[in-house]
Amino acid sequence: MPAPTCASCGVARAALRRPRSGQALCGSCFCAAFEAEVLRTVLAGRLLPPGAVVAVGASGGKDSTVLAHVLRALAPRLGIALQLVAVDEGIGGYRDAALAAVRSQAERWGLPLTVVAYADLFGGWTMDAVARSTAGSGRSRNCCTFCGVLRRRALEEGARLVGATHIVTGHNADDMAETVLMNFLRGDAGRLARGGGLGSGGEGCALPRCRPLQLASQKEVVLYAHFRRLRYFSEDCVYAPEAFRGHARDLLKRLEAARPSAVLDLVHSAERLSLAPAVRPPRPGACSRCGGRRGPCEEPPGSPACDPAAPAARPGPCACE
């Protein structure tokens, strides 16, 4: 059976059916629709005001690659300037190849690139060193938790280094649904409370952050990269198999098979979630261990830095504990 005609242009043959709507589109019309939806997300959420200097968290993977490409196309209409900021976590056999992909993208698209490294920011600590220090301690399975704290801090520092006013990351709808599931499964009311919406306004000294791809499914991100012929790094981090997120991802796939709208339902549930005053997290404050919200923590292995943006879920040390 021949492919149907594109439902948008009515001329070309359709190359796909959109996973959610079932609409048959050619590759060109799909990419135009995808970019228009990201533009609506940014404008409706007032995420990036005209004149903003935007630091794009660039990992070399599909999400950050698609995000940078789309924002580059939309930048003249939004009136924004883009800076790519990549983080070198110090993961042997993994990060070097990913950074090579980022450098190639920056050169191809004519975008400035800044690379910040854990080793430079955190007194010589790399992610490999953190993993070695926690081996056999019962905390070795938490490498992704440590890395998430450090990476957030590193991206913040990189953004400030290039004079950015806003930070954007490539989290898509599937990523956010997985996060909601994880927080429910862990009973983490604090993170559930601040996990909704398209970003944060920049509490305390942190820069505003947003996720323009939050309403885009992972399938459509991959399809956009395919039709735009974008090159990206696709290997998983060597520490990913130990992460709790993998279990949430497997559960989400089963839920989506039974209910195709499950991903967006979870994302929108987080947006509408309301917590009773007694369980709302406290406002950000100074870390009781290192005395501040910025700068490396002077604590032993496994706690090389404090997160300057995420409020603690309870009194005491912040995310450096």
C-alpha atoms as a PDB file:
ATOM      1  CA  MET A   1       0.000   0.000   0.000  1.00  0.00           C
ATOM      2  CA  PRO A   2       1.498   3.398  -0.982  1.00  0.00           C
ATOM      3  CA  ALA A   3       2.170   5.959   1.733  1.00  0.00           C
ATOM      4  CA  PRO A   4      -0.614   8.543   2.180  1.00  0.00           C
ATOM      5  CA  THR A   5      -0.185  12.143   1.143  1.00  0.00           C
ATOM      6  CA  CYS A   6       1.126  14.537   3.794  1.00  0.00           C
ATOM      7  CA  ALA A   7      -1.809  15.952   5.754  1.00  0.00           C
ATOM      8  CA  SER A   8      -0.127  19.354   5.962  1.00  0.00           C
ATOM      9  CA  CYS A   9       1.265  20.238   2.535  1.00  0.00           C
ATOM     10  CA  GLY A  10      -0.947  17.844   0.537  1.00  0.00           C
ATOM     11  CA  VAL A  11       1.861  17.318  -1.982  1.00  0.00           C
ATOM     12  CA  ALA A  12       4.654  15.092  -0.649  1.00  0.00           C
ATOM     13  CA  ARG A  13       4.207  11.543   0.499  1.00  0.00           C
ATOM     14  CA  ALA A  14       3.958  11.129   4.245  1.00  0.00           C
ATOM     15  CA  ALA A  15       7.107   9.770   5.875  1.00  0.00           C
ATOM     16  CA  LEU A  16       5.630   9.146   9.344  1.00  0.00           C
ATOM     17  CA  ARG A  17       2.581   9.216  11.532  1.00  0.00           C
ATOM     18  CA  ARG A  18       3.036  11.341  14.615  1.00  0.00           C
ATOM     19  CA  PRO A  19       3.106   9.002  17.631  1.00  0.00           C
ATOM     20  CA  ARG A  20       0.471  10.907  19.632  1.00  0.00           C
ATOM     21  CA  SER A  21      -1.918  12.327  17.043  1.00  0.00           C
ATOM     22  CA  GLY A  22      -1.523   9.755  14.258  1.00  0.00           C
ATOM     23  CA  GLN A  23      -1.262  12.633  11.753  1.00  0.00           C
ATOM     24  CA  ALA A  24       0.546  11.604   8.552  1.00  0.00           C
ATOM     25  CA  LEU A  25       3.274  14.096   7.644  1.00  0.00           C
ATOM     26  CA  CYS A  26       6.241  14.341   5.327  1.00  0.00           C
ATOM     27  CA  GLY A  27       9.631  14.899   6.938  1.00  0.00           C
ATOM     28  CA  SER A  28       9.745  18.607   6.100  1.00  0.00           C
ATOM     29  CA  CYS A  29       6.286  19.352   7.489  1.00  0.00           C
ATOM     30  CA  PHE A  30       6.952  17.309  10.616  1.00  0.00           C
ATOM     31  CA  CYS A  31      10.133  19.295  11.364  1.00  0.00           C
ATOM     32  CA  ALA A  32       8.311  22.586  10.773  1.00  0.00           C
ATOM     33  CA  ALA A  33       5.500  21.480  13.118  1.00  0.00           C
ATOM     34  CA  PHE A  34       8.016  20.361  15.765  1.00  0.00           C
ATOM     35  CA  GLU A  35       9.814  23.733  15.666  1.00  0.00           C
ATOM     36  CA  ALA A  36       6.515  25.610  15.818  1.00  0.00           C
ATOM     37  CA  GLU A  37       5.484  23.644  18.909  1.00  0.00           C
ATOM     38  CA  VAL A  38       8.772  24.420  20.659  1.00  0.00           C
ATOM     39  CA  LEU A  39       8.282  28.098  19.756  1.00  0.00           C
ATOM     40  CA  ARG A  40       4.768  28.020  21.275  1.00  0.00           C
ATOM     41  CA  THR A  41       6.139  26.399  24.431  1.00  0.00           C
ATOM     42  CA  VAL A  42       8.771  29.117  24.822  1.00  0.00           C
ATOM     43  CA  LEU A  43       6.374  31.980  24.098  1.00  0.00           C
ATOM     44  CA  ALA A  44       3.432  30.646  26.134  1.00  0.00           C
ATOM     45  CA  GLY A  45       5.661  30.013  29.133  1.00  0.00           C
ATOM     46  CA  ARG A  46       7.577  33.294  28.681  1.00  0.00           C
ATOM     47  CA  LEU A  47      10.714  31.243  29.115  1.00  0.00           C
ATOM     48  CA  LEU A  48      13.249  33.276  27.136  1.00  0.00           C
ATOM     49  CA  PRO A  49      12.667  37.037  26.924  1.00  0.00           C
ATOM     50  CA  PRO A  50      14.061  39.080  24.004  1.00  0.00           C
ATOM     51  CA  GLY A  51      17.684  39.978  24.624  1.00  0.00           C
ATOM     52  CA  ALA A  52      18.393  36.892  26.710  1.00  0.00           C
ATOM     53  CA  VAL A  53      21.826  35.302  26.501  1.00  0.00           C
ATOM     54  CA  VAL A  54      21.007  31.603  26.638  1.00  0.00           C
ATOM     55  CA  ALA A  55      23.426  28.923  27.807  1.00  0.00           C
ATOM     56  CA  VAL A  56      22.464  25.636  26.150  1.00  0.00           C
ATOM     57  CA  GLY A  57      23.557  22.623  28.181  1.00  0.00           C
ATOM     58  CA  ALA A  58      25.288  20.622  25.439  1.00  0.00           C
ATOM     59  CA  SER A  59      26.108  16.974  26.072  1.00  0.00           C
ATOM     60  CA  GLY A  60      26.402  15.799  22.482  1.00  0.00           C
ATOM     61  CA  GLY A  61      23.356  13.525  22.907  1.00  0.00           C
ATOM     62  CA  LYS A  62      20.160  13.613  20.875  1.00  0.00           C
ATOM     63  CA  ASP A  63      18.175  15.895  23.187  1.00  0.00           C
ATOM     64  CA  SER A  64      20.727  18.689  23.578  1.00  0.00           C
ATOM     65  CA  THR A  65      21.615  18.409  19.874  1.00  0.00           C
ATOM     66  CA  VAL A  66      17.982  18.835  18.823  1.00  0.00           C
ATOM     67  CA  LEU A  67      17.474  21.630  21.366  1.00  0.00           C
ATOM     68  CA  ALA A  68      20.477  23.605  20.106  1.00  0.00           C
ATOM     69  CA  HIS A  69      19.437  23.115  16.477  1.00  0.00           C
ATOM     70  CA  VAL A  70      15.844  24.225  17.082  1.00  0.00           C
ATOM     71  CA  LEU A  71      16.812  27.251  19.197  1.00  0.00           C
ATOM     72  CA  ARG A  72      19.371  28.269  16.585  1.00  0.00           C
ATOM     73  CA  ALA A  73      16.565  28.288  14.009  1.00  0.00           C
ATOM     74  CA  LEU A  74      14.231  30.198  16.346  1.00  0.00           C
ATOM     75  CA  ALA A  75      16.809  32.643  17.751  1.00  0.00           C
ATOM     76  CA  PRO A  76      16.071  35.482  15.252  1.00  0.00           C
ATOM     77  CA  ARG A  77      12.340  35.318  16.038  1.00  0.00           C
ATOM     78  CA  LEU A  78      12.927  35.127  19.784  1.00  0.00           C
ATOM     79  CA  GLY A  79      15.650  37.781  19.804  1.00  0.00           C
ATOM     80  CA  ILE A  80      18.069  35.670  21.831  1.00  0.00           C
ATOM     81  CA  ALA A  81      21.782  34.840  21.646  1.00  0.00           C
ATOM     82  CA  LEU A  82      23.036  31.284  22.166  1.00  0.00           C
ATOM     83  CA  GLN A  83      26.114  29.944  23.941  1.00  0.00           C
ATOM     84  CA  LEU A  84      26.870  26.226  24.116  1.00  0.00           C
ATOM     85  CA  VAL A  85      28.128  25.091  27.527  1.00  0.00           C
ATOM     86  CA  ALA A  86      29.422  21.533  27.874  1.00  0.00           C
ATOM     87  CA  VAL A  87      30.457  19.769  31.074  1.00  0.00           C
ATOM     88  CA  ASP A  88      33.409  17.390  31.294  1.00  0.00           C
ATOM     89  CA  GLU A  89      32.543  15.089  34.183  1.00  0.00           C
ATOM     90  CA  GLY A  90      35.795  13.177  33.935  1.00  0.00           C
ATOM     91  CA  ILE A  91      34.343   9.809  32.890  1.00  0.00           C
ATOM     92  CA  GLY A  92      37.007   7.794  31.139  1.00  0.00           C
ATOM     93  CA  GLY A  93      36.089   6.126  27.843  1.00  0.00           C
ATOM     94  CA  TYR A  94      32.845   8.081  27.554  1.00  0.00           C
ATOM     95  CA  ARG A  95      32.989  11.830  27.885  1.00  0.00           C
ATOM     96  CA  ASP A  96      35.841  12.487  25.435  1.00  0.00           C
ATOM     97  CA  ALA A  97      33.812  11.085  22.524  1.00  0.00           C
ATOM     98  CA  ALA A  98      30.722  13.052  23.577  1.00  0.00           C
ATOM     99  CA  LEU A  99      32.703  16.298  23.812  1.00  0.00           C
ATOM    100  CA  ALA A 100      34.096  15.652  20.331  1.00  0.00           C
ATOM    101  CA  ALA A 101      30.500  15.536  19.062  1.00  0.00           C
ATOM    102  CA  VAL A 102      29.712  18.836  20.820  1.00  0.00           C
ATOM    103  CA  ARG A 103      32.780  20.536  19.329  1.00  0.00           C
ATOM    104  CA  SER A 104      31.771  19.321  15.885  1.00  0.00           C
ATOM    105  CA  GLN A 105      28.264  20.737  16.343  1.00  0.00           C
ATOM    106  CA  ALA A 106      29.572  24.085  17.562  1.00  0.00           C
ATOM    107  CA  GLU A 107      31.862  24.399  14.568  1.00  0.00           C
ATOM    108  CA  ARG A 108      29.187  23.334  12.072  1.00  0.00           C
ATOM    109  CA  TRP A 109      26.578  25.751  13.435  1.00  0.00           C
ATOM    110  CA  GLY A 110      28.919  28.644  14.217  1.00  0.00           C
ATOM    111  CA  LEU A 111      27.998  28.718  17.910  1.00  0.00           C
ATOM    112  CA  PRO A 112      30.460  29.623  20.686  1.00  0.00           C
ATOM    113  CA  LEU A 113      31.345  26.706  22.967  1.00  0.00           C
ATOM    114  CA  THR A 114      32.680  26.698  26.527  1.00  0.00           C
ATOM    115  CA  VAL A 115      33.693  23.499  28.324  1.00  0.00           C
ATOM    116  CA  VAL A 116      33.841  23.384  32.125  1.00  0.00           C
ATOM    117  CA  ALA A 117      35.338  20.407  33.957  1.00  0.00           C
ATOM    118  CA  TYR A 118      34.586  18.862  37.328  1.00  0.00           C
ATOM    119  CA  ALA A 119      38.323  18.591  37.993  1.00  0.00           C
ATOM    120  CA  ASP A 120      38.755  22.360  37.653  1.00  0.00           C
ATOM    121  CA  LEU A 121      35.656  23.304  39.636  1.00  0.00           C
ATOM    122  CA  PHE A 122      35.814  20.772  42.438  1.00  0.00           C
ATOM    123  CA  GLY A 123      39.409  20.620  43.574  1.00  0.00           C
ATOM    124  CA  GLY A 124      40.552  17.824  41.260  1.00  0.00           C
ATOM    125  CA  TRP A 125      37.493  15.601  41.736  1.00  0.00           C
ATOM    126  CA  THR A 126      36.177  13.792  38.658  1.00  0.00           C
ATOM    127  CA  MET A 127      33.178  11.500  38.409  1.00  0.00           C
ATOM    128  CA  ASP A 128      35.499   8.507  38.144  1.00  0.00           C
ATOM    129  CA  ALA A 129      37.196   9.612  41.388  1.00  0.00           C
ATOM    130  CA  VAL A 130      33.831   9.969  43.139  1.00  0.00           C
ATOM    131  CA  ALA A 131      32.841   6.487  41.951  1.00  0.00           C
ATOM    132  CA  ARG A 132      36.090   5.010  43.280  1.00  0.00           C
ATOM    133  CA  SER A 133      35.672   6.764  46.619  1.00  0.00           C
ATOM    134  CA  THR A 134      32.177   5.350  47.133  1.00  0.00           C
ATOM    135  CA  ALA A 135      32.926   1.800  45.950  1.00  0.00           C
ATOM    136  CA  GLY A 136      31.986  -0.718  48.635  1.00  0.00           C
ATOM    137  CA  SER A 137      30.387   1.935  50.825  1.00  0.00           C
ATOM    138  CA  GLY A 138      26.803   1.146  49.909  1.00  0.00           C
ATOM    139  CA  ARG A 139      26.613   4.441  48.045  1.00  0.00           C
ATOM    140  CA  SER A 140      28.294   3.317  44.826  1.00  0.00           C
ATOM    141  CA  ARG A 141      24.901   2.863  43.153  1.00  0.00           C
ATOM    142  CA  ASN A 142      24.263   6.574  43.661  1.00  0.00           C
ATOM    143  CA  CYS A 143      26.811   7.805  41.122  1.00  0.00           C
ATOM    144  CA  CYS A 144      24.076   9.428  39.046  1.00  0.00           C
ATOM    145  CA  THR A 145      22.815  11.275  42.136  1.00  0.00           C
ATOM    146  CA  PHE A 146      26.274  12.708  42.846  1.00  0.00           C
ATOM    147  CA  CYS A 147      26.774  13.515  39.181  1.00  0.00           C
ATOM    148  CA  GLY A 148      23.417  15.286  38.921  1.00  0.00           C
ATOM    149  CA  VAL A 149      24.326  17.636  41.764  1.00  0.00           C
ATOM    150  CA  LEU A 150      27.782  18.354  40.385  1.00  0.00           C
ATOM    151  CA  ARG A 151      26.603  18.724  36.815  1.00  0.00           C
ATOM    152  CA  ARG A 152      23.932  21.240  37.799  1.00  0.00           C
ATOM    153  CA  ARG A 153      26.547  23.278  39.626  1.00  0.00           C
ATOM    154  CA  ALA A 154      29.032  23.007  36.735  1.00  0.00           C
ATOM    155  CA  LEU A 155      26.447  24.145  34.198  1.00  0.00           C
ATOM    156  CA  GLU A 156      25.592  27.103  36.409  1.00  0.00           C
ATOM    157  CA  GLU A 157      29.260  28.093  36.627  1.00  0.00           C
ATOM    158  CA  GLY A 158      29.737  27.670  32.878  1.00  0.00           C
ATOM    159  CA  ALA A 159      26.680  29.814  32.159  1.00  0.00           C
ATOM    160  CA  ARG A 160      27.941  32.585  34.420  1.00  0.00           C
ATOM    161  CA  LEU A 161      31.360  32.368  32.782  1.00  0.00           C
ATOM    162  CA  VAL A 162      29.877  33.214  29.357  1.00  0.00           C
ATOM    163  CA  GLY A 163      27.598  35.941  30.726  1.00  0.00           C
ATOM    164  CA  ALA A 164      24.365  34.003  30.235  1.00  0.00           C
ATOM    165  CA  THR A 165      21.094  35.255  31.685  1.00  0.00           C
ATOM    166  CA  HIS A 166      19.231  31.946  31.230  1.00  0.00           C
ATOM    167  CA  ILE A 167      20.017  28.225  31.076  1.00  0.00           C
ATOM    168  CA  VAL A 168      18.176  25.708  28.899  1.00  0.00           C
ATOM    169  CA  THR A 169      18.464  21.926  29.050  1.00  0.00           C
ATOM    170  CA  GLY A 170      17.237  19.229  26.681  1.00  0.00           C
ATOM    171  CA  HIS A 171      14.926  17.302  28.989  1.00  0.00           C
ATOM    172  CA  ASN A 172      12.033  15.882  26.958  1.00  0.00           C
ATOM    173  CA  ALA A 173       8.605  14.677  28.083  1.00  0.00           C
ATOM    174  CA  ASP A 174       9.810  11.114  28.704  1.00  0.00           C
ATOM    175  CA  ASP A 175      12.659  12.396  30.906  1.00  0.00           C
ATOM    176  CA  MET A 176      10.263  14.468  32.969  1.00  0.00           C
ATOM    177  CA  ALA A 177       7.732  11.638  33.308  1.00  0.00           C
ATOM    178  CA  GLU A 178      10.521   9.349  34.541  1.00  0.00           C
ATOM    179  CA  THR A 179      11.511  11.978  37.102  1.00  0.00           C
ATOM    180  CA  VAL A 180       7.926  12.290  38.351  1.00  0.00           C
ATOM    181  CA  LEU A 181       7.697   8.505  38.693  1.00  0.00           C
ATOM    182  CA  MET A 182      11.000   8.326  40.567  1.00  0.00           C
ATOM    183  CA  ASN A 183       9.959  11.022  42.999  1.00  0.00           C
ATOM    184  CA  PHE A 184       6.636   9.294  43.666  1.00  0.00           C
ATOM    185  CA  LEU A 185       8.344   5.941  44.172  1.00  0.00           C
ATOM    186  CA  ARG A 186      10.837   7.499  46.600  1.00  0.00           C
ATOM    187  CA  GLY A 187       8.170   9.510  48.378  1.00  0.00           C
ATOM    188  CA  ASP A 188      10.165  12.681  47.713  1.00  0.00           C
ATOM    189  CA  ALA A 189       7.533  15.365  48.294  1.00  0.00           C
ATOM    190  CA  GLY A 190      10.103  18.157  48.110  1.00  0.00           C
ATOM    191  CA  ARG A 191      11.199  17.333  44.586  1.00  0.00           C
ATOM    192  CA  LEU A 192       7.634  16.640  43.501  1.00  0.00           C
ATOM    193  CA  ALA A 193       6.670  20.115  44.693  1.00  0.00           C
ATOM    194  CA  ARG A 194       9.280  21.862  42.588  1.00  0.00           C
ATOM    195  CA  GLY A 195       9.286  19.447  39.652  1.00  0.00           C
ATOM    196  CA  GLY A 196       6.316  20.852  37.738  1.00  0.00           C
ATOM    197  CA  GLY A 197       6.271  23.664  35.212  1.00  0.00           C
ATOM    198  CA  LEU A 198       8.654  24.288  32.355  1.00  0.00           C
ATOM    199  CA  GLY A 199      11.526  25.473  34.511  1.00  0.00           C
ATOM    200  CA  SER A 200      12.529  27.544  37.506  1.00  0.00           C
ATOM    201  CA  GLY A 201      12.709  31.271  37.876  1.00  0.00           C
ATOM    202  CA  GLY A 202      16.121  31.194  39.511  1.00  0.00           C
ATOM    203  CA  GLU A 203      15.818  30.932  43.283  1.00  0.00           C
ATOM    204  CA  GLY A 204      18.497  32.542  45.392  1.00  0.00           C
ATOM    205  CA  CYS A 205      21.593  33.185  43.323  1.00  0.00           C
ATOM    206  CA  ALA A 206      20.787  30.655  40.579  1.00  0.00           C
ATOM    207  CA  LEU A 207      20.093  31.637  36.973  1.00  0.00           C
ATOM    208  CA  PRO A 208      16.616  30.946  35.540  1.00  0.00           C
ATOM    209  CA  ARG A 209      16.394  27.509  33.895  1.00  0.00           C
ATOM    210  CA  CYS A 210      13.870  26.077  31.463  1.00  0.00           C
ATOM    211  CA  ARG A 211      13.151  22.983  29.371  1.00  0.00           C
ATOM    212  CA  PRO A 212      11.768  23.962  25.932  1.00  0.00           C
ATOM    213  CA  LEU A 213      11.448  20.286  24.898  1.00  0.00           C
ATOM    214  CA  GLN A 214       9.484  19.239  27.987  1.00  0.00           C
ATOM    215  CA  LEU A 215       6.285  18.618  26.004  1.00  0.00           C
ATOM    216  CA  ALA A 216       8.052  16.813  23.130  1.00  0.00           C
ATOM    217  CA  SER A 217       8.162  13.021  23.243  1.00  0.00           C
ATOM    218  CA  GLN A 218      11.450  11.179  22.990  1.00  0.00           C
ATOM    219  CA  LYS A 219      10.221   9.484  19.804  1.00  0.00           C
ATOM    220  CA  GLU A 220       9.633  12.813  18.107  1.00  0.00           C
ATOM    221  CA  VAL A 221      13.002  14.161  19.259  1.00  0.00           C
ATOM    222  CA  VAL A 222      14.640  11.163  17.565  1.00  0.00           C
ATOM    223  CA  LEU A 223      12.505  11.648  14.436  1.00  0.00           C
ATOM    224  CA  TYR A 224      13.440  15.330  14.247  1.00  0.00           C
ATOM    225  CA  ALA A 225      17.138  14.456  14.484  1.00  0.00           C
ATOM    226  CA  HIS A 226      16.635  11.863  11.738  1.00  0.00           C
ATOM    227  CA  PHE A 227      14.879  14.152   9.273  1.00  0.00           C
ATOM    228  CA  ARG A 228      17.259  17.061   9.945  1.00  0.00           C
ATOM    229  CA  ARG A 229      20.178  14.629   9.586  1.00  0.00           C
ATOM    230  CA  LEU A 230      21.710  15.698  12.886  1.00  0.00           C
ATOM    231  CA  ARG A 231      24.752  13.850  14.152  1.00  0.00           C
ATOM    232  CA  TYR A 232      24.842  13.091  17.847  1.00  0.00           C
ATOM    233  CA  PHE A 233      26.559  10.880  20.405  1.00  0.00           C
ATOM    234  CA  SER A 234      24.359   7.935  21.341  1.00  0.00           C
ATOM    235  CA  GLU A 235      26.246   5.775  23.838  1.00  0.00           C
ATOM    236  CA  ASP A 236      24.989   5.422  27.413  1.00  0.00           C
ATOM    237  CA  CYS A 237      27.112   6.608  30.319  1.00  0.00           C
ATOM    238  CA  VAL A 238      29.119   3.812  31.926  1.00  0.00           C
ATOM    239  CA  TYR A 239      27.381   4.517  35.256  1.00  0.00           C
ATOM    240  CA  ALA A 240      23.834   4.540  33.829  1.00  0.00           C
ATOM    241  CA  PRO A 241      23.090   0.816  34.347  1.00  0.00           C
ATOM    242  CA  GLU A 242      23.276   1.327  38.126  1.00  0.00           C
ATOM    243  CA  ALA A 243      20.826   4.237  38.160  1.00  0.00           C
ATOM    244  CA  PHE A 244      17.348   3.984  39.693  1.00  0.00           C
ATOM    245  CA  ARG A 245      16.060   5.929  36.680  1.00  0.00           C
ATOM    246  CA  GLY A 246      16.368   2.777  34.584  1.00  0.00           C
ATOM    247  CA  HIS A 247      13.652   1.081  36.627  1.00  0.00           C
ATOM    248  CA  ALA A 248      11.356   4.092  36.235  1.00  0.00           C
ATOM    249  CA  ARG A 249      12.040   4.069  32.481  1.00  0.00           C
ATOM    250  CA  ASP A 250      11.076   0.393  32.180  1.00  0.00           C
ATOM    251  CA  LEU A 251       7.886   1.002  34.159  1.00  0.00           C
ATOM    252  CA  LEU A 252       7.029   4.030  32.017  1.00  0.00           C
ATOM    253  CA  LYS A 253       7.373   2.002  28.814  1.00  0.00           C
ATOM    254  CA  ARG A 254       4.901  -0.558  30.139  1.00  0.00           C
ATOM    255  CA  LEU A 255       2.504   2.176  31.196  1.00  0.00           C
ATOM    256  CA  GLU A 256       2.758   3.874  27.809  1.00  0.00           C
ATOM    257  CA  ALA A 257       2.035   0.573  26.038  1.00  0.00           C
ATOM    258  CA  ALA A 258      -1.212   0.294  28.008  1.00  0.00           C
ATOM    259  CA  ARG A 259      -2.049   4.016  27.896  1.00  0.00           C
ATOM    260  CA  PRO A 260      -0.331   6.042  25.117  1.00  0.00           C
ATOM    261  CA  SER A 261      -0.997   9.326  26.914  1.00  0.00           C
ATOM    262  CA  ALA A 262       0.782   8.182  30.108  1.00  0.00           C
ATOM    263  CA  VAL A 263       3.920  10.272  29.502  1.00  0.00           C
ATOM    264  CA  LEU A 264       2.151  13.605  29.091  1.00  0.00           C
ATOM    265  CA  ASP A 265      -0.368  12.703  31.792  1.00  0.00           C
ATOM    266  CA  LEU A 266       2.494  12.370  34.274  1.00  0.00           C
ATOM    267  CA  VAL A 267       4.121  15.611  33.103  1.00  0.00           C
ATOM    268  CA  HIS A 268       0.874  17.558  33.463  1.00  0.00           C
ATOM    269  CA  SER A 269       0.135  15.899  36.814  1.00  0.00           C
ATOM    270  CA  ALA A 270       3.385  17.328  38.149  1.00  0.00           C
ATOM    271  CA  GLU A 271       2.407  20.772  36.859  1.00  0.00           C
ATOM    272  CA  ARG A 272      -0.911  20.638  38.711  1.00  0.00           C
ATOM    273  CA  LEU A 273       0.338  18.992  41.887  1.00  0.00           C
ATOM    274  CA  SER A 274      -0.470  20.925  45.052  1.00  0.00           C
ATOM    275  CA  LEU A 275       1.065  20.017  48.395  1.00  0.00           C
ATOM    276  CA  ALA A 276      -0.297  20.780  51.830  1.00  0.00           C
ATOM    277  CA  PRO A 277       1.679  23.546  53.600  1.00  0.00           C
ATOM    278  CA  ALA A 278       3.070  21.070  56.140  1.00  0.00           C
ATOM    279  CA  VAL A 279       4.936  19.071  53.481  1.00  0.00           C
ATOM    280  CA  ARG A 280       6.135  21.899  51.255  1.00  0.00           C
ATOM    281  CA  PRO A 281       9.931  22.141  51.109  1.00  0.00           C
ATOM    282  CA  PRO A 282      11.608  25.075  52.865  1.00  0.00           C
ATOM    283  CA  ARG A 283      12.972  27.969  50.859  1.00  0.00           C
ATOM    284  CA  PRO A 284      16.644  27.680  49.880  1.00  0.00           C
ATOM    285  CA  GLY A 285      19.118  28.639  52.563  1.00  0.00           C
ATOM    286  CA  ALA A 286      22.773  28.292  53.428  1.00  0.00           C
ATOM    287  CA  CYS A 287      24.275  24.830  53.725  1.00  0.00           C
ATOM    288  CA  SER A 288      24.895  23.989  57.381  1.00  0.00           C
ATOM    289  CA  ARG A 289      28.013  22.007  56.445  1.00  0.00           C
ATOM    290  CA  CYS A 290      30.005  24.330  54.194  1.00  0.00           C
ATOM    291  CA  GLY A 291      28.327  27.595  55.214  1.00  0.00           C
ATOM    292  CA  GLY A 292      27.332  28.782  51.772  1.00  0.00           C
ATOM    293  CA  ARG A 293      25.390  28.095  48.600  1.00  0.00           C
ATOM    294  CA  ARG A 294      28.312  28.474  46.206  1.00  0.00           C
ATOM    295  CA  GLY A 295      31.880  27.283  46.056  1.00  0.00           C
ATOM    296  CA  PRO A 296      33.216  23.756  46.537  1.00  0.00           C
ATOM    297  CA  CYS A 297      32.444  22.006  49.786  1.00  0.00           C
ATOM    298  CA  GLU A 298      35.527  21.148  51.818  1.00  0.00           C
ATOM    299  CA  GLU A 299      34.130  17.785  52.825  1.00  0.00           C
ATOM    300  CA  PRO A 300      35.592  14.286  52.302  1.00  0.00           C
ATOM    301  CA  PRO A 301      35.059  12.032  49.237  1.00  0.00           C
ATOM    302  CA  GLY A 302      31.539  11.823  47.887  1.00  0.00           C
ATOM    303  CA  SER A 303      30.625  15.420  48.765  1.00  0.00           C
ATOM    304  CA  PRO A 304      32.753  17.704  46.632  1.00  0.00           C
ATOM    305  CA  ALA A 305      30.198  20.455  45.989  1.00  0.00           C
ATOM    306  CA  CYS A 306      26.965  22.050  47.105  1.00  0.00           C
ATOM    307  CA  ASP A 307      24.098  22.537  44.680  1.00  0.00           C
ATOM    308  CA  PRO A 308      23.485  26.314  44.422  1.00  0.00           C
ATOM    309  CA  ALA A 309      19.963  25.940  43.061  1.00  0.00           C
ATOM    310  CA  ALA A 310      18.140  23.024  44.653  1.00  0.00           C
ATOM    311  CA  PRO A 311      16.652  23.722  48.089  1.00  0.00           C
ATOM    312  CA  ALA A 312      17.262  21.118  50.762  1.00  0.00           C
ATOM    313  CA  ALA A 313      14.295  18.869  51.481  1.00  0.00           C
ATOM    314  CA  ARG A 314      15.039  19.044  55.190  1.00  0.00           C
ATOM    315  CA  PRO A 315      17.210  21.094  57.568  1.00  0.00           C
ATOM    316  CA  GLY A 316      20.924  20.410  57.622  1.00  0.00           C
ATOM    317  CA  PRO A 317      23.415  19.899  54.824  1.00  0.00           C
ATOM    318  CA  CYS A 318      22.238  20.584  51.287  1.00  0.00           C
ATOM    319  CA  ALA A 319      22.894  18.273  48.355  1.00  0.00           C
ATOM    320  CA  CYS A 320      26.570  17.999  49.294  1.00  0.00           C
ATOM    321  CA  GLU A 321      25.758  15.585  52.131  1.00  0.00           C
END
